[in-house]
Each structure stands twice: as structure tokens, then as C-alpha cells.
Amino acid sequence: MGDPSGVGPETIIKAWATTSLHAQCRPIAIGSSEVLQRAVDLVRAPITIVPIETPEQVCGDPTTLPCLEINSETAAQAPPGCCDPRGGQAAYDAVVLAANLAQQQRIDGIVTAPLSKAALQAAGHLYPGHTELLADCCGTQNTAMMLYLEKDQGSEASEGWGVVHATLHMPMRDIFEHLSTLRIFNCATLADAAIRNLKHFPEHRSPKIGICALNPHAGEDGLFGNEEQQIIAPAVAEAQKNGLDVSGPYPADSLVARTDRGEFDILVAMYHDQGHIPLKLLGMHRAVNITLGLPIVRTSASHGTAFDQAWQGTADAGGMVAAIRLAAKLARQRVPLSSVGSAEGV
């Protein structure tokens, strides 16, 4: 359910009312039935919220939304439209419960509504976001955030493209400390495995992966920085040596345009906004966040809690619908989005 103070509950209810979703999966909500009932009342949806104790109690009726309860008291007390530790605690409880159920194979995948990183930390959970929290829940280290944009939304043979992030939720000044040849290589490996699960490739063709530069003009031969020569190019060479169709580093501004034209299937961005801005510009309410490297399927809408728009009945559920469709598609394939290898000592 995400943070109950944000737009998550409303987008869940609106997505549930999208009847075509129920032909693709049997969703349940994990959160607070009291909060979801408020969202039902807000948008006047013809949906009945039914608290359940186990995910096996799913009834498959599109007019009845089963809700697996977390700490309802904490969630119901979170005030609407603002950052509050009670909302952060509720979001944490829902994510941990969902991740545990997925690892027990009692559910096939999870779709997370947005949480507030500030509220999460105010509740005492010191994670920068979903990606790091889920990695901890699953006991994995080599994870990455991927944004994916389908051009033919809902199709089993998507022609979209994605971007994987080498660094994520951190101040800009810290990027240089966390960016490494090994990290970029691992992201390229994760990107290759992920895009193979999302697009169909003929036997004779591998996914084409473009690596973004860090500096303007790819450093201009060292004039604007040497990270391209010392960190990124060696990662590209190592990935090529391991059989990946990888090239770069290229200036990010031109590489994004080339990818959207179909020259590349997926990119590796060096930092958060380098990947997020172009994907959200092209499809703010269609881009889907996928966590790579986990033993479970996890997707989410690409937007945040939107406290300024929450609980007004105006939230756009397009991102939630897209995330549910994609999670169902990945779950049907039964292929974990995990790394297929790593280069020790790179």
C-alpha cells in the first residue's frame, strides 16, 4: 500500500477498478483495510474491502478487494498529505510482509505503492528507499533500480526500453565515491538479463546496451573529467569480454535520443536523474520501476507519494496499472531478475 498519507491507496483503488487487470493476475492488497476503505469512499468506487489473514484467501472477484492486514492502527493514524513517521512505519511493515511472502512463494510478485524516504527514516528505518530495503529483506547485495517504458503497453512482446542506474539515492557529491568499474560492469550484466525477460530477441541478436558517460561530452578526452577513461571504459571492456553487446561511454543527452529511436535496448546511467528525467519526460505515468538482482519480482510506479496531491481524488493510477501489468508478465515467466555473473577484482 505504500505510505498511507500519499497517493498510494487511491491509485490502488483506481487500478483495481481497471477490470482488464483481473484477467492477467489475482491481486491482493497488503496494508490497512481501514485506509483503503477511505480511498474507496473518496473515489466512490463500487468495491468492497475485505480483510484477510492469509494470501491464500483470494477470492478472484473484481468487486471485492482482499486486504492482508498490517498494523492497521499505525496506518490509520497517519495524517493525509504529509510526511509522518506513522506513515513510514506502515509502508515499512507492508514492504517487509510482501517481500517475505514472495520469498516463501506464497505470492508470485509484489507491486509497491510509493513510500516517503523521509517518513521511513523518521520511523527509524534508515534505508534510502525501496531498492535498499528490499535488498536487505532478500539478503542480496548486487541490486539496481531499472526504469522501463513500454511503447506498446500491455503487450507480451514489448518494444520498450529501459535504464539501469549505477548509483541511486545519494547526494551528487557522493556519486564519485560510489561509482566504480565493478559496479558499472554488474549493472550492465543486470541490464542484459533484465531486458531479455522483457523483450523478444532473435537467436542471432543479443540486447544492445549503451553506457552513459558521467561528464558532459563524455569528458571531452579528459578536458571535463577522466572518469570515462579510468572507470567507465574499463567496465565496458570487461562486459564485452564477458560476451555482452555493450558500447560506450557516450554522452547521455545523445544516447537517450538514440535509444528511443531503437538503436539500443537498454542504458546504464551513472546517477539517478540522468536516467529518471528522460524516462519520466517520455512517459511519466507509464514508466515502471523494476528492482533487479532480487530473487523475487518487484515493480512499482515511477512516481512518488505526491503528498501535495494526495487524498483529493485526482491521483493518476496509470503508473500503478502499468506496474501491475508488468509484474504479472514477469511472474508468468518465472525467471528471477538476478545477476547472471560478476567480475571479481575488476
Protein backbone atom coordinates (compact mmCIF):
# COMPACT_ATOMS: atom_id res chain seq x y z
CA MET A 1 0.00 0.00 0.00
CA GLY A 2 2.96 2.31 0.47
CA ASP A 3 2.68 5.39 2.64
CA PRO A 4 -1.00 5.81 3.65
CA SER A 5 -0.57 9.59 3.67
CA GLY A 6 0.31 9.63 -0.03
CA VAL A 7 -1.45 8.75 -3.29
CA GLY A 8 -0.82 5.00 -2.97
CA PRO A 9 -4.20 3.96 -1.53
CA GLU A 10 -6.09 5.97 -4.15
CA THR A 11 -4.05 4.54 -7.05
CA ILE A 12 -4.63 1.01 -5.71
CA ILE A 13 -8.39 1.51 -5.72
CA LYS A 14 -8.41 3.08 -9.17
CA ALA A 15 -6.16 0.34 -10.55
CA TRP A 16 -8.39 -2.33 -9.01
CA ALA A 17 -11.31 -0.83 -10.92
CA THR A 18 -9.40 -1.50 -14.18
CA THR A 19 -11.22 -4.73 -14.98
CA SER A 20 -8.72 -5.93 -17.61
CA LEU A 21 -6.09 -6.40 -14.87
CA HIS A 22 -8.08 -9.21 -13.31
CA ALA A 23 -7.68 -11.29 -16.46
CA GLN A 24 -3.89 -11.09 -16.04
CA CYS A 25 -3.45 -11.74 -12.32
CA ARG A 26 -5.20 -12.18 -8.97
CA PRO A 27 -4.06 -9.18 -6.95
CA ILE A 28 -4.38 -8.63 -3.22
CA ALA A 29 -3.59 -5.54 -1.19
CA ILE A 30 -1.16 -5.56 1.72
CA GLY A 31 -1.81 -2.69 4.09
CA SER A 32 -4.70 -1.29 6.07
CA SER A 33 -8.29 -2.12 5.16
CA GLU A 34 -9.43 1.00 7.03
CA VAL A 35 -7.21 3.25 4.90
CA LEU A 36 -8.27 1.51 1.69
CA GLN A 37 -11.91 1.92 2.66
CA ARG A 38 -11.31 5.67 2.96
CA ALA A 39 -9.87 5.60 -0.56
CA VAL A 40 -12.93 3.70 -1.81
CA ASP A 41 -15.17 6.34 -0.25
CA LEU A 42 -13.02 9.13 -1.72
CA VAL A 43 -13.34 7.97 -5.33
CA ARG A 44 -16.79 6.37 -4.85
CA ALA A 45 -15.68 3.06 -6.29
CA PRO A 46 -18.08 0.07 -6.31
CA ILE A 47 -15.56 -2.06 -4.42
CA THR A 48 -15.87 -3.95 -1.13
CA ILE A 49 -12.77 -4.12 1.07
CA VAL A 50 -12.45 -7.48 2.85
CA PRO A 51 -9.72 -8.04 5.48
CA ILE A 52 -7.94 -11.39 5.08
CA GLU A 53 -5.39 -13.25 7.21
CA THR A 54 -3.51 -15.18 4.50
CA PRO A 55 -2.88 -14.59 0.77
CA GLU A 56 -4.49 -17.94 0.03
CA GLN A 57 -7.88 -16.38 0.83
CA VAL A 58 -8.01 -14.53 -2.51
CA CYS A 59 -11.49 -14.93 -3.98
CA GLY A 60 -10.90 -13.66 -7.53
CA ASP A 61 -13.95 -11.36 -7.51
CA PRO A 62 -13.08 -8.00 -9.15
CA THR A 63 -15.65 -6.22 -6.98
CA THR A 64 -14.08 -7.50 -3.74
CA LEU A 65 -10.62 -6.31 -2.75
CA PRO A 66 -8.94 -8.60 -0.21
CA CYS A 67 -6.57 -6.76 2.12
CA LEU A 68 -3.90 -8.58 4.11
CA GLU A 69 -3.65 -6.51 7.26
CA ILE A 70 -0.52 -4.89 8.67
CA ASN A 71 -0.52 -2.68 11.78
CA SER A 72 -3.82 -1.01 10.95
CA GLU A 73 -3.71 1.30 13.95
CA THR A 74 -0.41 2.82 12.86
CA ALA A 75 -1.51 3.20 9.27
CA ALA A 76 -4.94 4.63 10.06
CA GLN A 77 -3.45 7.28 12.34
CA ALA A 78 -1.15 8.70 9.66
CA PRO A 79 -2.47 12.14 8.65
CA PRO A 80 -3.27 12.61 4.95
CA GLY A 81 -0.99 14.58 2.66
CA CYS A 82 2.09 14.99 4.84
CA CYS A 83 5.26 13.27 5.96
CA ASP A 84 4.71 11.40 9.23
CA PRO A 85 6.59 8.54 10.92
CA ARG A 86 3.35 6.58 11.27
CA GLY A 87 3.05 6.54 7.50
CA GLY A 88 6.69 5.50 7.21
CA GLN A 89 6.14 2.63 9.64
CA ALA A 90 3.06 1.43 7.78
CA ALA A 91 4.94 1.47 4.47
CA TYR A 92 7.82 -0.45 6.02
CA ASP A 93 5.53 -3.09 7.51
CA ALA A 94 3.78 -3.65 4.17
CA VAL A 95 7.01 -3.98 2.19
CA VAL A 96 8.61 -6.42 4.62
CA LEU A 97 5.48 -8.59 4.78
CA ALA A 98 5.17 -8.62 0.98
CA ALA A 99 8.85 -9.47 0.48
CA ASN A 100 8.64 -12.33 2.99
CA LEU A 101 5.54 -13.78 1.33
CA ALA A 102 7.18 -13.57 -2.09
CA GLN A 103 10.30 -15.35 -0.84
CA GLN A 104 8.07 -18.06 0.62
CA GLN A 105 6.45 -18.32 -2.85
CA ARG A 106 3.04 -17.66 -1.36
CA ILE A 107 2.67 -14.77 -3.79
CA ASP A 108 4.23 -14.51 -7.26
CA GLY A 109 5.44 -10.92 -7.10
CA ILE A 110 4.95 -7.55 -5.44
CA VAL A 111 3.97 -4.11 -6.70
CA THR A 112 4.80 -1.31 -4.30
CA ALA A 113 2.94 1.95 -3.98
CA PRO A 114 5.25 4.90 -3.19
CA LEU A 115 6.74 5.49 0.21
CA SER A 116 8.32 8.62 1.65
CA LYS A 117 12.03 8.16 2.32
CA ALA A 118 11.88 10.90 4.97
CA ALA A 119 8.90 9.25 6.71
CA LEU A 120 10.63 5.86 6.52
CA GLN A 121 13.70 7.23 8.26
CA ALA A 122 11.59 9.20 10.75
CA ALA A 123 10.12 5.83 11.76
CA GLY A 124 13.64 4.57 12.47
CA HIS A 125 14.27 2.58 9.28
CA LEU A 126 17.43 4.01 7.79
CA TYR A 127 17.05 2.99 4.14
CA PRO A 128 17.36 5.40 1.19
CA GLY A 129 14.35 3.77 -0.49
CA HIS A 130 12.59 0.61 -1.64
CA THR A 131 15.60 -0.80 -3.51
CA GLU A 132 17.87 -0.90 -0.48
CA LEU A 133 15.11 -2.09 1.88
CA LEU A 134 14.18 -4.97 -0.43
CA ALA A 135 17.82 -5.92 -0.91
CA ASP A 136 18.13 -6.20 2.87
CA CYS A 137 14.90 -8.23 3.14
CA CYS A 138 16.14 -10.65 0.48
CA GLY A 139 19.75 -10.79 1.64
CA THR A 140 21.14 -9.65 -1.71
CA GLN A 141 23.88 -7.14 -2.48
CA ASN A 142 24.11 -6.79 -6.27
CA THR A 143 20.85 -4.95 -6.94
CA ALA A 144 19.89 -2.00 -9.12
CA MET A 145 16.91 0.15 -10.00
CA MET A 146 15.64 -0.04 -13.55
CA LEU A 147 13.02 2.18 -15.15
CA TYR A 148 11.24 0.59 -18.09
CA LEU A 149 8.96 2.26 -20.61
CA GLU A 150 6.76 0.10 -22.82
CA LYS A 151 5.86 1.59 -26.19
CA ASP A 152 3.11 -0.98 -26.66
CA GLN A 153 1.77 -1.11 -23.14
CA GLY A 154 0.29 -4.42 -22.04
CA SER A 155 1.75 -6.43 -24.93
CA GLU A 156 3.63 -9.64 -24.24
CA ALA A 157 6.20 -8.68 -26.90
CA SER A 158 7.05 -5.18 -25.74
CA GLU A 159 9.18 -2.85 -27.83
CA GLY A 160 10.08 -0.57 -24.97
CA TRP A 161 13.44 0.30 -23.47
CA GLY A 162 14.90 0.74 -20.03
CA VAL A 163 17.61 2.39 -17.99
CA VAL A 164 19.55 0.88 -15.09
CA HIS A 165 21.18 3.15 -12.52
CA ALA A 166 24.75 2.62 -11.33
CA THR A 167 24.20 4.94 -8.35
CA LEU A 168 20.86 5.92 -6.93
CA HIS A 169 19.61 7.77 -3.85
CA MET A 170 22.56 9.84 -2.69
CA PRO A 171 23.82 13.43 -2.81
CA MET A 172 25.50 14.39 -6.07
CA ARG A 173 28.79 14.92 -4.24
CA ASP A 174 28.81 11.24 -3.19
CA ILE A 175 28.46 9.80 -6.69
CA PHE A 176 32.20 9.87 -7.36
CA GLU A 177 32.86 7.81 -4.23
CA HIS A 178 30.33 5.11 -5.11
CA LEU A 179 30.93 4.83 -8.86
CA SER A 180 33.32 2.00 -9.74
CA THR A 181 34.28 -0.21 -12.66
CA LEU A 182 32.86 -3.27 -10.87
CA ARG A 183 29.56 -1.52 -10.15
CA ILE A 184 29.11 -0.45 -13.78
CA PHE A 185 30.00 -3.93 -15.02
CA ASN A 186 27.48 -5.51 -12.64
CA CYS A 187 24.80 -3.07 -13.79
CA ALA A 188 25.47 -3.96 -17.43
CA THR A 189 25.12 -7.65 -16.52
CA LEU A 190 21.87 -6.99 -14.67
CA ALA A 191 20.63 -4.89 -17.60
CA ASP A 192 21.30 -7.68 -20.10
CA ALA A 193 19.44 -10.28 -18.02
CA ALA A 194 16.52 -7.93 -17.32
CA ILE A 195 15.86 -6.79 -20.86
CA ARG A 196 15.91 -10.40 -22.11
CA ASN A 197 12.92 -11.02 -19.83
CA LEU A 198 11.05 -8.03 -21.20
CA LYS A 199 11.68 -8.14 -24.94
CA HIS A 200 11.94 -10.88 -27.54
CA PHE A 201 15.35 -11.22 -29.18
CA PRO A 202 16.11 -13.47 -32.16
CA GLU A 203 18.71 -16.16 -31.55
CA HIS A 204 21.31 -14.28 -33.56
CA ARG A 205 20.94 -10.99 -31.64
CA SER A 206 21.84 -10.02 -28.08
CA PRO A 207 20.48 -6.95 -26.30
CA LYS A 208 22.34 -3.77 -27.22
CA ILE A 209 23.41 -1.94 -24.07
CA GLY A 210 24.54 1.68 -24.11
CA ILE A 211 26.67 3.05 -21.28
CA CYS A 212 26.19 6.69 -20.35
CA ALA A 213 29.15 8.96 -19.68
CA LEU A 214 29.32 10.77 -16.37
CA ASN A 215 30.63 14.10 -17.60
CA PRO A 216 29.39 16.40 -20.41
CA HIS A 217 30.59 15.33 -23.88
CA ALA A 218 31.87 12.09 -22.32
CA GLY A 219 34.64 14.09 -20.68
CA GLU A 220 35.94 15.53 -23.99
CA ASP A 221 39.11 13.38 -23.87
CA GLY A 222 39.77 14.29 -20.24
CA LEU A 223 39.09 18.01 -20.57
CA PHE A 224 35.92 17.80 -18.42
CA GLY A 225 36.90 14.83 -16.28
CA ASN A 226 38.68 11.49 -16.55
CA GLU A 227 36.04 9.13 -15.08
CA GLU A 228 35.15 7.96 -18.59
CA GLN A 229 38.72 6.84 -19.24
CA GLN A 230 39.61 5.49 -15.81
CA ILE A 231 36.33 3.96 -14.54
CA ILE A 232 33.66 3.58 -17.22
CA ALA A 233 35.63 2.44 -20.28
CA PRO A 234 37.28 -0.46 -18.37
CA ALA A 235 33.79 -1.63 -17.32
CA VAL A 236 32.65 -1.59 -20.94
CA ALA A 237 35.72 -3.61 -21.97
CA GLU A 238 35.11 -6.17 -19.22
CA ALA A 239 31.46 -6.54 -20.21
CA GLN A 240 32.45 -7.06 -23.84
CA LYS A 241 34.96 -9.68 -22.76
CA ASN A 242 32.11 -11.48 -20.99
CA GLY A 243 30.06 -11.62 -24.18
CA LEU A 244 27.71 -8.66 -23.70
CA ASP A 245 26.85 -6.34 -26.59
CA VAL A 246 27.92 -3.21 -24.72
CA SER A 247 29.33 0.07 -26.02
CA GLY A 248 30.18 3.49 -24.68
CA PRO A 249 30.60 5.60 -22.73
CA TYR A 250 28.50 8.01 -24.80
CA PRO A 251 27.27 11.49 -23.93
CA ALA A 252 23.98 10.87 -22.15
CA ASP A 253 21.98 13.52 -23.97
CA SER A 254 22.51 11.99 -27.42
CA LEU A 255 22.45 8.38 -26.14
CA VAL A 256 18.91 8.74 -24.77
CA ALA A 257 17.65 10.01 -28.12
CA ARG A 258 19.41 7.18 -29.96
CA THR A 259 17.87 4.62 -27.62
CA ASP A 260 14.38 6.00 -28.04
CA ARG A 261 14.88 5.62 -31.80
CA GLY A 262 15.69 1.94 -31.30
CA GLU A 263 19.50 1.87 -31.60
CA PHE A 264 19.84 0.46 -28.08
CA ASP A 265 17.59 -1.75 -25.95
CA ILE A 266 18.73 -0.54 -22.55
CA LEU A 267 21.06 2.00 -20.97
CA VAL A 268 23.18 2.15 -17.85
CA ALA A 269 23.01 5.62 -16.29
CA MET A 270 25.63 6.85 -13.86
CA TYR A 271 23.26 8.59 -11.44
CA HIS A 272 19.58 8.98 -10.52
CA ASP A 273 18.46 11.99 -12.55
CA GLN A 274 20.49 11.02 -15.61
CA GLY A 275 18.10 8.08 -16.04
CA HIS A 276 14.93 9.34 -14.39
CA ILE A 277 14.47 12.66 -16.16
CA PRO A 278 14.31 11.38 -19.77
CA LEU A 279 12.15 8.34 -18.91
CA LYS A 280 9.68 10.44 -16.95
CA LEU A 281 9.62 13.09 -19.66
CA LEU A 282 8.71 10.43 -22.22
CA GLY A 283 6.20 8.58 -20.03
CA MET A 284 5.65 9.89 -16.51
CA HIS A 285 2.60 7.69 -15.87
CA ARG A 286 3.74 4.72 -17.97
CA ALA A 287 7.31 4.18 -16.78
CA VAL A 288 7.69 1.26 -14.38
CA ASN A 289 10.33 0.80 -11.71
CA ILE A 290 11.78 -2.72 -11.52
CA THR A 291 14.27 -3.87 -8.88
CA LEU A 292 16.98 -6.02 -10.47
CA GLY A 293 19.06 -8.58 -8.61
CA LEU A 294 16.31 -9.79 -6.26
CA PRO A 295 15.10 -13.41 -6.05
CA ILE A 296 11.54 -12.05 -6.30
CA VAL A 297 9.57 -9.97 -8.81
CA ARG A 298 9.12 -6.36 -7.71
CA THR A 299 7.75 -3.42 -9.68
CA SER A 300 6.29 -0.03 -8.83
CA ALA A 301 5.00 3.11 -10.44
CA SER A 302 7.80 5.59 -11.14
CA HIS A 303 6.24 8.48 -9.20
CA GLY A 304 6.44 9.32 -5.50
CA THR A 305 3.96 9.87 -2.69
CA ALA A 306 2.81 13.24 -4.10
CA PHE A 307 1.71 14.50 -0.69
CA ASP A 308 0.56 17.76 -2.28
CA GLN A 309 -1.97 15.85 -4.43
CA ALA A 310 -2.88 13.07 -2.02
CA TRP A 311 -6.41 12.39 -0.82
CA GLN A 312 -8.01 14.80 -3.25
CA GLY A 313 -9.42 12.19 -5.62
CA THR A 314 -7.25 13.38 -8.52
CA ALA A 315 -4.33 10.91 -8.46
CA ASP A 316 -3.41 9.29 -11.78
CA ALA A 317 -3.37 5.49 -11.49
CA GLY A 318 -1.72 4.87 -14.87
CA GLY A 319 1.63 4.10 -13.29
CA MET A 320 0.12 1.61 -10.85
CA VAL A 321 -1.77 -0.14 -13.65
CA ALA A 322 1.40 -0.37 -15.76
CA ALA A 323 3.38 -1.71 -12.80
CA ILE A 324 0.80 -4.42 -12.08
CA ARG A 325 0.69 -5.50 -15.73
CA LEU A 326 4.46 -5.75 -15.91
CA ALA A 327 4.75 -7.61 -12.60
CA ALA A 328 2.20 -10.15 -13.84
CA LYS A 329 4.12 -10.58 -17.08
CA LEU A 330 7.41 -11.16 -15.24
CA ALA A 331 5.80 -13.52 -12.74
CA ARG A 332 4.35 -15.64 -15.53
CA GLN A 333 7.83 -16.07 -16.98
CA ARG A 334 9.12 -17.38 -13.65
CA VAL A 335 12.60 -16.00 -14.35
CA PRO A 336 14.26 -14.10 -11.47
CA LEU A 337 15.69 -10.71 -12.43
CA SER A 338 19.04 -11.54 -10.86
CA SER A 339 22.61 -11.17 -11.94
CA VAL A 340 23.99 -13.89 -14.20
CA GLY A 341 27.56 -13.26 -13.13
CA SER A 342 30.04 -10.78 -11.77
CA ALA A 343 33.64 -9.90 -12.37
CA GLU A 344 35.64 -10.23 -9.19
CA GLY A 345 38.58 -7.89 -8.94
CA VAL A 346 37.52 -5.62 -11.79
